[in-house]
Amino acid sequence: MKTTAPKALPPMSDNDRRRFEKRIDKTGFGPRGTCWKWKGSTPQGYGSFYYAGNTFSSHRVAYFAHTGDDPGDLDILHKCNFPMCVRWSHLRKGTHAENMNDRDKAGHQSTKRGADHPVAKLTEEQVLDIRAAFARGIWTKMDLARQYNVSHRLIRNIVNRTAWKHI
């Protein structure tokens, strides 16, 4: 069950809109080749965009930027079943229950772990190397993040065993 309501989307400045547009690849992706793929930050397999002092999901921002309609407590669902899509015509408002139903029908709930997970950026061997290097004091978390081309947050979660708990 969904536990937190999404943050209200504040108006976007012209600069925010330009920054957002620069992160969209409109060459055609997804199941039918008509999706616009988010090229920006992608924590947990969905795009995110920072503006007005907060981080928002890129598909919510895309919907809002085009329609002017803040979806409030509703989710933004992908009609195309391509989670990285930000093409506004592929998005619609819906309840969280509808979103979970769509996800299940599309087979998007992954039970895979580690390197087998669809959005994994590391292998099990790399995770063990990261933990060992940090434990020996060889590298800082920031150094490891740069070395493995991942976020500082991911390194912190690996070291603290809140990510990759299974190894």
Foldseek 3Di string as FASTA:
>chain_A
DDDDADDWDDDDDPVLVVVLVVQWAQQADADVRGFIFGNADAPPRFAWGDDPHDIDTLLQVLLCVVPVDNLTRWDKAFCRPRRRGNNNVRIDTDHPVVRVVVCVVVVPDDPDAAPPDPPHQDHPVLLVVLLVCVVVVNDDLVRSCVVSVHDSVVSVCSNVCVHPVVD
